[in-house]
PDB file of all heavy atoms in Angstrom:
ATOM      1  N   VAL A   1       0.825  -1.224  -0.014  1.00  0.00           N
ATOM      2  CA  VAL A   1       0.020   0.042   0.048  1.00  0.00           C
ATOM      3  C   VAL A   1       0.845   1.214  -0.033  1.00  0.00           C
ATOM      4  O   VAL A   1       2.012   1.207   0.278  1.00  0.00           O
ATOM      5  CB  VAL A   1      -0.916  -0.036   1.196  1.00  0.00           C
ATOM      6  CG1 VAL A   1      -1.821  -1.185   1.231  1.00  0.00           C
ATOM      7  CG2 VAL A   1      -0.128   0.021   2.535  1.00  0.00           C
ATOM      8  N   VAL A   2       0.255   2.278  -0.307  1.00  0.00           N
ATOM      9  CA  VAL A   2       0.870   3.625  -0.290  1.00  0.00           C
ATOM     10  C   VAL A   2       0.631   4.290   1.132  1.00  0.00           C
ATOM     11  O   VAL A   2      -0.458   4.552   1.424  1.00  0.00           O
ATOM     12  CB  VAL A   2       0.308   4.588  -1.328  1.00  0.00           C
ATOM     13  CG1 VAL A   2       0.951   5.922  -1.312  1.00  0.00           C
ATOM     14  CG2 VAL A   2       0.564   3.997  -2.737  1.00  0.00           C
ATOM     15  N   VAL A   3       1.642   4.376   1.860  1.00  0.00           N
ATOM     16  CA  VAL A   3       1.534   4.801   3.320  1.00  0.00           C
ATOM     17  C   VAL A   3       1.107   6.188   3.359  1.00  0.00           C
ATOM     18  O   VAL A   3       1.730   7.098   2.637  1.00  0.00           O
ATOM     19  CB  VAL A   3       2.805   4.596   4.081  1.00  0.00           C
ATOM     20  CG1 VAL A   3       2.681   5.018   5.458  1.00  0.00           C
ATOM     21  CG2 VAL A   3       3.195   3.099   4.060  1.00  0.00           C
ATOM     22  N   GLY A   4       0.250   6.523   4.235  1.00  0.00           N
ATOM     23  CA  GLY A   4      -0.220   7.972   4.346  1.00  0.00           C
ATOM     24  C   GLY A   4      -1.387   8.336   3.494  1.00  0.00           C
ATOM     25  O   GLY A   4      -2.000   9.314   3.749  1.00  0.00           O
ATOM     26  N   SER A   5      -1.721   7.474   2.623  1.00  0.00           N
ATOM     27  CA  SER A   5      -2.887   7.756   1.721  1.00  0.00           C
ATOM     28  C   SER A   5      -4.130   7.119   2.272  1.00  0.00           C
ATOM     29  O   SER A   5      -4.014   6.146   3.117  1.00  0.00           O
ATOM     30  CB  SER A   5      -2.669   7.234   0.250  1.00  0.00           C
ATOM     31  OG  SER A   5      -2.639   5.789   0.333  1.00  0.00           O
ATOM     32  N   PRO A   6      -5.384   7.470   1.835  1.00  0.00           N
ATOM     33  CA  PRO A   6      -6.546   6.857   2.366  1.00  0.00           C
ATOM     34  C   PRO A   6      -6.473   5.320   2.080  1.00  0.00           C
ATOM     35  O   PRO A   6      -6.974   4.563   2.902  1.00  0.00           O
ATOM     36  CB  PRO A   6      -7.678   7.600   1.598  1.00  0.00           C
ATOM     37  CG  PRO A   6      -7.119   8.910   1.313  1.00  0.00           C
ATOM     38  CD  PRO A   6      -5.678   8.697   1.037  1.00  0.00           C
ATOM     39  N   SER A   7      -5.963   4.924   0.915  1.00  0.00           N
ATOM     40  CA  SER A   7      -5.998   3.497   0.640  1.00  0.00           C
ATOM     41  C   SER A   7      -5.034   2.804   1.611  1.00  0.00           C
ATOM     42  O   SER A   7      -5.373   1.585   1.970  1.00  0.00           O
ATOM     43  CB  SER A   7      -5.545   3.247  -0.850  1.00  0.00           C
ATOM     44  OG  SER A   7      -4.191   3.777  -0.992  1.00  0.00           O
ATOM     45  N   ALA A   8      -3.923   3.405   2.097  1.00  0.00           N
ATOM     46  CA  ALA A   8      -3.062   2.727   3.080  1.00  0.00           C
ATOM     47  C   ALA A   8      -3.793   2.582   4.384  1.00  0.00           C
ATOM     48  O   ALA A   8      -3.786   1.621   5.001  1.00  0.00           O
ATOM     49  CB  ALA A   8      -1.828   3.516   3.216  1.00  0.00           C
ATOM     50  N   LEU A   9      -4.483   3.696   4.824  1.00  0.00           N
ATOM     51  CA  LEU A   9      -5.052   3.635   6.104  1.00  0.00           C
ATOM     52  C   LEU A   9      -6.233   2.700   6.124  1.00  0.00           C
ATOM     53  O   LEU A   9      -6.596   2.123   7.137  1.00  0.00           O
ATOM     54  CB  LEU A   9      -5.613   5.010   6.506  1.00  0.00           C
ATOM     55  CG  LEU A   9      -4.482   6.142   6.573  1.00  0.00           C
ATOM     56  CD1 LEU A   9      -5.115   7.386   7.070  1.00  0.00           C
ATOM     57  CD2 LEU A   9      -3.404   5.691   7.633  1.00  0.00           C
ATOM     58  N   ALA A  10      -6.868   2.473   5.035  1.00  0.00           N
ATOM     59  CA  ALA A  10      -8.011   1.590   4.919  1.00  0.00           C
ATOM     60  C   ALA A  10      -7.583   0.142   5.093  1.00  0.00           C
ATOM     61  O   ALA A  10      -8.418  -0.724   5.331  1.00  0.00           O
ATOM     62  CB  ALA A  10      -8.625   1.709   3.541  1.00  0.00           C
ATOM     63  N   GLU A  11      -6.374  -0.240   5.143  1.00  0.00           N
ATOM     64  CA  GLU A  11      -5.782  -1.557   5.384  1.00  0.00           C
ATOM     65  C   GLU A  11      -6.172  -1.947   6.871  1.00  0.00           C
ATOM     66  O   GLU A  11      -6.193  -3.154   7.214  1.00  0.00           O
ATOM     67  CB  GLU A  11      -4.372  -1.729   5.157  1.00  0.00           C
ATOM     68  CG  GLU A  11      -3.936  -1.620   3.669  1.00  0.00           C
ATOM     69  CD  GLU A  11      -4.472  -2.804   2.880  1.00  0.00           C
ATOM     70  OE1 GLU A  11      -4.379  -3.913   3.348  1.00  0.00           O
ATOM     71  OE2 GLU A  11      -4.838  -2.505   1.694  1.00  0.00           O
ATOM     72  N   THR A  12      -6.261  -0.943   7.801  1.00  0.00           N
ATOM     73  CA  THR A  12      -6.767  -1.185   9.061  1.00  0.00           C
ATOM     74  C   THR A  12      -8.255  -0.836   9.192  1.00  0.00           C
ATOM     75  O   THR A  12      -8.605   0.283   8.870  1.00  0.00           O
ATOM     76  CB  THR A  12      -5.904  -0.414  10.109  1.00  0.00           C
ATOM     77  OG1 THR A  12      -4.555  -0.705   9.916  1.00  0.00           O
ATOM     78  CG2 THR A  12      -6.350  -0.724  11.535  1.00  0.00           C
ATOM     79  N   ALA A  13      -9.038  -1.761   9.688  1.00  0.00           N
ATOM     80  CA  ALA A  13     -10.496  -1.607   9.571  1.00  0.00           C
ATOM     81  C   ALA A  13     -11.074  -0.531  10.428  1.00  0.00           C
ATOM     82  O   ALA A  13     -10.453  -0.226  11.542  1.00  0.00           O
ATOM     83  CB  ALA A  13     -11.099  -2.949   9.888  1.00  0.00           C
ATOM     84  N   GLY A  14     -12.162   0.016   9.986  1.00  0.00           N
ATOM     85  CA  GLY A  14     -13.050   0.915  10.817  1.00  0.00           C
ATOM     86  C   GLY A  14     -12.290   2.187  11.253  1.00  0.00           C
ATOM     87  O   GLY A  14     -11.467   2.682  10.477  1.00  0.00           O
ATOM     88  N   PRO A  15     -12.579   2.604  12.470  1.00  0.00           N
ATOM     89  CA  PRO A  15     -11.937   3.868  12.957  1.00  0.00           C
ATOM     90  C   PRO A  15     -10.544   3.648  13.493  1.00  0.00           C
ATOM     91  O   PRO A  15      -9.943   4.599  14.016  1.00  0.00           O
ATOM     92  CB  PRO A  15     -12.891   4.291  14.070  1.00  0.00           C
ATOM     93  CG  PRO A  15     -13.470   3.073  14.642  1.00  0.00           C
ATOM     94  CD  PRO A  15     -13.559   2.083  13.476  1.00  0.00           C
ATOM     95  N   PHE A  16     -10.048   2.403  13.485  1.00  0.00           N
ATOM     96  CA  PHE A  16      -8.729   2.175  14.092  1.00  0.00           C
ATOM     97  C   PHE A  16      -7.667   2.205  13.057  1.00  0.00           C
ATOM     98  O   PHE A  16      -6.756   1.334  12.937  1.00  0.00           O
ATOM     99  CB  PHE A  16      -8.793   0.824  14.879  1.00  0.00           C
ATOM    100  CG  PHE A  16      -9.804   0.759  15.926  1.00  0.00           C
ATOM    101  CD1 PHE A  16     -10.922   0.047  15.711  1.00  0.00           C
ATOM    102  CD2 PHE A  16      -9.550   1.415  17.192  1.00  0.00           C
ATOM    103  CE1 PHE A  16     -11.960   0.021  16.770  1.00  0.00           C
ATOM    104  CE2 PHE A  16     -10.511   1.338  18.139  1.00  0.00           C
ATOM    105  CZ  PHE A  16     -11.646   0.628  17.894  1.00  0.00           C
ATOM    106  N   LEU A  17      -7.704   3.252  12.244  1.00  0.00           N
ATOM    107  CA  LEU A  17      -6.793   3.413  11.110  1.00  0.00           C
ATOM    108  C   LEU A  17      -5.351   3.593  11.582  1.00  0.00           C
ATOM    109  O   LEU A  17      -4.466   3.306  10.754  1.00  0.00           O
ATOM    110  CB  LEU A  17      -7.171   4.515  10.168  1.00  0.00           C
ATOM    111  CG  LEU A  17      -8.653   4.462   9.765  1.00  0.00           C
ATOM    112  CD1 LEU A  17      -8.919   5.742   8.889  1.00  0.00           C
ATOM    113  CD2 LEU A  17      -8.890   3.219   8.845  1.00  0.00           C
ATOM    114  N   LEU A  18      -5.125   4.092  12.747  1.00  0.00           N
ATOM    115  CA  LEU A  18      -3.747   4.357  13.187  1.00  0.00           C
ATOM    116  C   LEU A  18      -3.211   3.228  14.071  1.00  0.00           C
ATOM    117  O   LEU A  18      -2.130   3.304  14.685  1.00  0.00           O
ATOM    118  CB  LEU A  18      -3.694   5.696  14.039  1.00  0.00           C
ATOM    119  CG  LEU A  18      -4.259   6.835  13.208  1.00  0.00           C
ATOM    120  CD1 LEU A  18      -4.037   8.149  14.005  1.00  0.00           C
ATOM    121  CD2 LEU A  18      -3.656   7.026  11.820  1.00  0.00           C
ATOM    122  N   GLY A  19      -4.014   2.134  14.152  1.00  0.00           N
ATOM    123  CA  GLY A  19      -3.531   1.030  14.923  1.00  0.00           C
ATOM    124  C   GLY A  19      -3.726   1.120  16.401  1.00  0.00           C
ATOM    125  O   GLY A  19      -4.485   1.953  16.945  1.00  0.00           O
ATOM    126  N   VAL A  20      -2.992   0.233  17.135  1.00  0.00           N
ATOM    127  CA  VAL A  20      -3.020   0.203  18.589  1.00  0.00           C
ATOM    128  C   VAL A  20      -1.558   0.301  19.036  1.00  0.00           C
ATOM    129  O   VAL A  20      -0.610   0.003  18.366  1.00  0.00           O
ATOM    130  CB  VAL A  20      -3.721  -0.954  19.146  1.00  0.00           C
ATOM    131  CG1 VAL A  20      -5.209  -0.943  18.698  1.00  0.00           C
ATOM    132  CG2 VAL A  20      -3.012  -2.280  18.670  1.00  0.00           C
ATOM    133  N   ALA A  21      -1.438   0.571  20.382  1.00  0.00           N
ATOM    134  CA  ALA A  21      -0.078   0.680  20.884  1.00  0.00           C
ATOM    135  C   ALA A  21      -0.171   0.509  22.476  1.00  0.00           C
ATOM    136  O   ALA A  21      -1.241   0.739  23.014  1.00  0.00           O
ATOM    137  CB  ALA A  21       0.661   1.984  20.605  1.00  0.00           C
ATOM    138  N   SER A  22       0.899   0.099  23.070  1.00  0.00           N
ATOM    139  CA  SER A  22       1.016   0.089  24.531  1.00  0.00           C
ATOM    140  C   SER A  22       2.303   0.700  24.937  1.00  0.00           C
ATOM    141  O   SER A  22       3.267   0.764  24.189  1.00  0.00           O
ATOM    142  CB  SER A  22       0.846  -1.353  25.072  1.00  0.00           C
ATOM    143  OG  SER A  22       1.992  -2.187  24.664  1.00  0.00           O
ATOM    144  N   GLY A  23       2.384   1.038  26.191  1.00  0.00           N
ATOM    145  CA  GLY A  23       3.686   1.705  26.624  1.00  0.00           C
ATOM    146  C   GLY A  23       3.731   1.909  28.174  1.00  0.00           C
ATOM    147  O   GLY A  23       2.790   1.618  28.910  1.00  0.00           O
ATOM    148  N   ASP A  24       4.851   2.354  28.556  1.00  0.00           N
ATOM    149  CA  ASP A  24       5.173   2.681  29.991  1.00  0.00           C
ATOM    150  C   ASP A  24       4.810   1.534  30.937  1.00  0.00           C
ATOM    151  O   ASP A  24       4.004   1.628  31.867  1.00  0.00           O
ATOM    152  CB  ASP A  24       4.486   3.960  30.406  1.00  0.00           C
ATOM    153  CG  ASP A  24       5.170   5.174  29.847  1.00  0.00           C
ATOM    154  OD1 ASP A  24       6.042   5.068  28.965  1.00  0.00           O
ATOM    155  OD2 ASP A  24       4.818   6.322  30.250  1.00  0.00           O
ATOM    156  N   PRO A  25       5.311   0.338  30.677  1.00  0.00           N
ATOM    157  CA  PRO A  25       5.001  -0.857  31.472  1.00  0.00           C
ATOM    158  C   PRO A  25       5.471  -0.743  32.924  1.00  0.00           C
ATOM    159  O   PRO A  25       6.493  -0.068  33.199  1.00  0.00           O
ATOM    160  CB  PRO A  25       5.679  -2.023  30.768  1.00  0.00           C
ATOM    161  CG  PRO A  25       6.863  -1.379  30.069  1.00  0.00           C
ATOM    162  CD  PRO A  25       6.326   0.016  29.703  1.00  0.00           C
ATOM    163  N   LEU A  26       4.636  -1.329  33.774  1.00  0.00           N
ATOM    164  CA  LEU A  26       4.954  -1.403  35.214  1.00  0.00           C
ATOM    165  C   LEU A  26       4.846  -2.779  35.611  1.00  0.00           C
ATOM    166  O   LEU A  26       4.362  -3.653  34.834  1.00  0.00           O
ATOM    167  CB  LEU A  26       3.969  -0.530  36.042  1.00  0.00           C
ATOM    168  CG  LEU A  26       3.960   0.950  35.748  1.00  0.00           C
ATOM    169  CD1 LEU A  26       2.853   1.702  36.485  1.00  0.00           C
ATOM    170  CD2 LEU A  26       5.243   1.626  36.078  1.00  0.00           C
ATOM    171  N   PRO A  27       5.194  -3.192  36.845  1.00  0.00           N
ATOM    172  CA  PRO A  27       5.029  -4.549  37.286  1.00  0.00           C
ATOM    173  C   PRO A  27       3.542  -5.032  37.263  1.00  0.00           C
ATOM    174  O   PRO A  27       3.292  -6.198  37.082  1.00  0.00           O
ATOM    175  CB  PRO A  27       5.625  -4.574  38.633  1.00  0.00           C
ATOM    176  CG  PRO A  27       6.606  -3.437  38.781  1.00  0.00           C
ATOM    177  CD  PRO A  27       5.952  -2.377  37.875  1.00  0.00           C
ATOM    178  N   ASP A  28       2.647  -4.090  37.507  1.00  0.00           N
ATOM    179  CA  ASP A  28       1.245  -4.448  37.523  1.00  0.00           C
ATOM    180  C   ASP A  28       0.370  -3.676  36.591  1.00  0.00           C
ATOM    181  O   ASP A  28      -0.859  -3.754  36.609  1.00  0.00           O
ATOM    182  CB  ASP A  28       0.698  -4.120  38.958  1.00  0.00           C
ATOM    183  CG  ASP A  28       0.620  -2.613  39.249  1.00  0.00           C
ATOM    184  OD1 ASP A  28       1.353  -1.879  38.572  1.00  0.00           O
ATOM    185  OD2 ASP A  28      -0.103  -2.249  40.160  1.00  0.00           O
ATOM    186  N   GLY A  29       1.028  -3.018  35.537  1.00  0.00           N
ATOM    187  CA  GLY A  29       0.208  -2.262  34.661  1.00  0.00           C
ATOM    188  C   GLY A  29       0.903  -1.858  33.363  1.00  0.00           C
ATOM    189  O   GLY A  29       2.103  -2.039  33.195  1.00  0.00           O
ATOM    190  N   VAL A  30       0.097  -1.229  32.443  1.00  0.00           N
ATOM    191  CA  VAL A  30       0.597  -0.779  31.265  1.00  0.00           C
ATOM    192  C   VAL A  30      -0.412   0.262  30.659  1.00  0.00           C
ATOM    193  O   VAL A  30      -1.646   0.199  31.035  1.00  0.00           O
ATOM    194  CB  VAL A  30       0.796  -1.955  30.195  1.00  0.00           C
ATOM    195  CG1 VAL A  30      -0.506  -2.571  29.758  1.00  0.00           C
ATOM    196  CG2 VAL A  30       1.730  -1.465  29.072  1.00  0.00           C
ATOM    197  N   VAL A  31       0.000   1.214  29.898  1.00  0.00           N
ATOM    198  CA  VAL A  31      -0.860   2.108  29.185  1.00  0.00           C
ATOM    199  C   VAL A  31      -1.210   1.591  27.795  1.00  0.00           C
ATOM    200  O   VAL A  31      -0.354   1.260  27.002  1.00  0.00           O
ATOM    201  CB  VAL A  31      -0.203   3.510  29.073  1.00  0.00           C
ATOM    202  CG1 VAL A  31      -1.048   4.442  28.198  1.00  0.00           C
ATOM    203  CG2 VAL A  31       0.097   4.084  30.419  1.00  0.00           C
ATOM    204  N   LEU A  32      -2.525   1.490  27.512  1.00  0.00           N
ATOM    205  CA  LEU A  32      -3.021   1.099  26.154  1.00  0.00           C
ATOM    206  C   LEU A  32      -3.476   2.319  25.395  1.00  0.00           C
ATOM    207  O   LEU A  32      -4.053   3.290  26.027  1.00  0.00           O
ATOM    208  CB  LEU A  32      -4.251   0.132  26.328  1.00  0.00           C
ATOM    209  CG  LEU A  32      -3.987  -1.118  27.195  1.00  0.00           C
ATOM    210  CD1 LEU A  32      -5.247  -1.971  27.176  1.00  0.00           C
ATOM    211  CD2 LEU A  32      -2.771  -1.898  26.698  1.00  0.00           C
ATOM    212  N   TRP A  33      -3.165   2.406  24.134  1.00  0.00           N
ATOM    213  CA  TRP A  33      -3.480   3.535  23.323  1.00  0.00           C
ATOM    214  C   TRP A  33      -4.147   3.173  22.009  1.00  0.00           C
ATOM    215  O   TRP A  33      -3.855   2.156  21.445  1.00  0.00           O
ATOM    216  CB  TRP A  33      -2.143   4.309  23.039  1.00  0.00           C
ATOM    217  CG  TRP A  33      -2.366   5.389  22.071  1.00  0.00           C
ATOM    218  CD1 TRP A  33      -2.631   6.781  22.272  1.00  0.00           C
ATOM    219  CD2 TRP A  33      -2.359   5.297  20.550  1.00  0.00           C
ATOM    220  NE1 TRP A  33      -2.754   7.467  21.129  1.00  0.00           N
ATOM    221  CE2 TRP A  33      -2.604   6.696  20.061  1.00  0.00           C
ATOM    222  CE3 TRP A  33      -2.109   4.339  19.736  1.00  0.00           C
ATOM    223  CZ2 TRP A  33      -2.675   6.975  18.780  1.00  0.00           C
ATOM    224  CZ3 TRP A  33      -2.188   4.564  18.331  1.00  0.00           C
ATOM    225  CH2 TRP A  33      -2.466   5.877  17.894  1.00  0.00           C
ATOM    226  N   THR A  34      -5.025   4.025  21.607  1.00  0.00           N
ATOM    227  CA  THR A  34      -5.478   4.114  20.193  1.00  0.00           C
ATOM    228  C   THR A  34      -6.044   5.541  19.999  1.00  0.00           C
ATOM    229  O   THR A  34      -6.217   6.305  20.831  1.00  0.00           O
ATOM    230  CB  THR A  34      -6.495   3.021  19.880  1.00  0.00           C
ATOM    231  OG1 THR A  34      -6.738   2.921  18.478  1.00  0.00           O
ATOM    232  CG2 THR A  34      -7.914   3.301  20.519  1.00  0.00           C
ATOM    233  N   ARG A  35      -6.236   5.822  18.672  1.00  0.00           N
ATOM    234  CA  ARG A  35      -6.904   7.016  18.348  1.00  0.00           C
ATOM    235  C   ARG A  35      -7.910   6.750  17.286  1.00  0.00           C
ATOM    236  O   ARG A  35      -7.592   6.082  16.274  1.00  0.00           O
ATOM    237  CB  ARG A  35      -5.917   8.074  17.840  1.00  0.00           C
ATOM    238  CG  ARG A  35      -6.616   9.429  17.478  1.00  0.00           C
ATOM    239  CD  ARG A  35      -5.663  10.390  16.714  1.00  0.00           C
ATOM    240  NE  ARG A  35      -6.538  11.451  16.102  1.00  0.00           N
ATOM    241  CZ  ARG A  35      -6.078  12.222  15.220  1.00  0.00           C
ATOM    242  NH1 ARG A  35      -4.847  12.213  14.747  1.00  0.00           N
ATOM    243  NH2 ARG A  35      -6.796  13.128  14.608  1.00  0.00           N
ATOM    244  N   LEU A  36      -9.131   7.251  17.463  1.00  0.00           N
ATOM    245  CA  LEU A  36     -10.120   6.998  16.422  1.00  0.00           C
ATOM    246  C   LEU A  36      -9.989   7.972  15.280  1.00  0.00           C
ATOM    247  O   LEU A  36      -9.981   9.191  15.486  1.00  0.00           O
ATOM    248  CB  LEU A  36     -11.583   7.149  17.068  1.00  0.00           C
ATOM    249  CG  LEU A  36     -11.904   6.291  18.300  1.00  0.00           C
ATOM    250  CD1 LEU A  36     -13.336   6.524  18.755  1.00  0.00           C
ATOM    251  CD2 LEU A  36     -11.589   4.788  18.055  1.00  0.00           C
ATOM    252  N   VAL A  37      -9.973   7.376  14.064  1.00  0.00           N
ATOM    253  CA  VAL A  37      -9.827   8.206  12.877  1.00  0.00           C
ATOM    254  C   VAL A  37     -10.609   7.578  11.773  1.00  0.00           C
ATOM    255  O   VAL A  37     -10.524   6.277  11.550  1.00  0.00           O
ATOM    256  CB  VAL A  37      -8.369   8.335  12.365  1.00  0.00           C
ATOM    257  CG1 VAL A  37      -8.217   9.097  11.093  1.00  0.00           C
ATOM    258  CG2 VAL A  37      -7.470   9.038  13.424  1.00  0.00           C
ATOM    259  N   ARG A  38     -11.417   8.329  11.075  1.00  0.00           N
ATOM    260  CA  ARG A  38     -12.132   7.815   9.919  1.00  0.00           C
ATOM    261  C   ARG A  38     -11.821   8.742   8.762  1.00  0.00           C
ATOM    262  O   ARG A  38     -11.421   9.925   8.921  1.00  0.00           O
ATOM    263  CB  ARG A  38     -13.655   7.806  10.115  1.00  0.00           C
ATOM    264  CG  ARG A  38     -14.145   6.824  11.148  1.00  0.00           C
ATOM    265  CD  ARG A  38     -15.609   6.661  11.166  1.00  0.00           C
ATOM    266  NE  ARG A  38     -16.128   5.821  12.178  1.00  0.00           N
ATOM    267  CZ  ARG A  38     -16.312   4.487  11.900  1.00  0.00           C
ATOM    268  NH1 ARG A  38     -16.021   3.866  10.812  1.00  0.00           N
ATOM    269  NH2 ARG A  38     -16.795   3.717  12.925  1.00  0.00           N
ATOM    270  N   GLU A  39     -12.104   8.318   7.516  1.00  0.00           N
ATOM    271  CA  GLU A  39     -11.947   9.097   6.365  1.00  0.00           C
ATOM    272  C   GLU A  39     -12.970  10.340   6.380  1.00  0.00           C
ATOM    273  O   GLU A  39     -12.686  11.402   5.993  1.00  0.00           O
ATOM    274  CB  GLU A  39     -12.052   8.314   5.024  1.00  0.00           C
ATOM    275  CG  GLU A  39     -10.916   7.375   4.844  1.00  0.00           C
ATOM    276  CD  GLU A  39     -10.928   6.562   3.583  1.00  0.00           C
ATOM    277  OE1 GLU A  39     -11.571   7.185   2.531  1.00  0.00           O
ATOM    278  OE2 GLU A  39     -10.463   5.565   3.477  1.00  0.00           O
ATOM    279  N   ALA A  40     -14.153  10.031   6.893  1.00  0.00           N
ATOM    280  CA  ALA A  40     -15.159  11.052   7.227  1.00  0.00           C
ATOM    281  C   ALA A  40     -14.896  11.552   8.626  1.00  0.00           C
ATOM    282  O   ALA A  40     -14.624  10.829   9.459  1.00  0.00           O
ATOM    283  CB  ALA A  40     -16.602  10.519   6.998  1.00  0.00           C
ATOM    284  N   PRO A  41     -15.129  12.811   8.843  1.00  0.00           N
ATOM    285  CA  PRO A  41     -14.819  13.366  10.115  1.00  0.00           C
ATOM    286  C   PRO A  41     -15.602  12.669  11.263  1.00  0.00           C
ATOM    287  O   PRO A  41     -16.842  12.378  11.063  1.00  0.00           O
ATOM    288  CB  PRO A  41     -15.230  14.835  10.047  1.00  0.00           C
ATOM    289  CG  PRO A  41     -15.159  15.164   8.584  1.00  0.00           C
ATOM    290  CD  PRO A  41     -15.520  13.915   7.938  1.00  0.00           C
TER     291      PRO A  41
END
């Protein structure tokens, strides 16, 4: 796919076009992240 274009982002379904991520792990926890994005606002 062409990264950064609508066709590239459409490879990830629905509003989760930017994927998912986790970070800042602790012994008992972690931060989960996503951002909702659609081609329509």
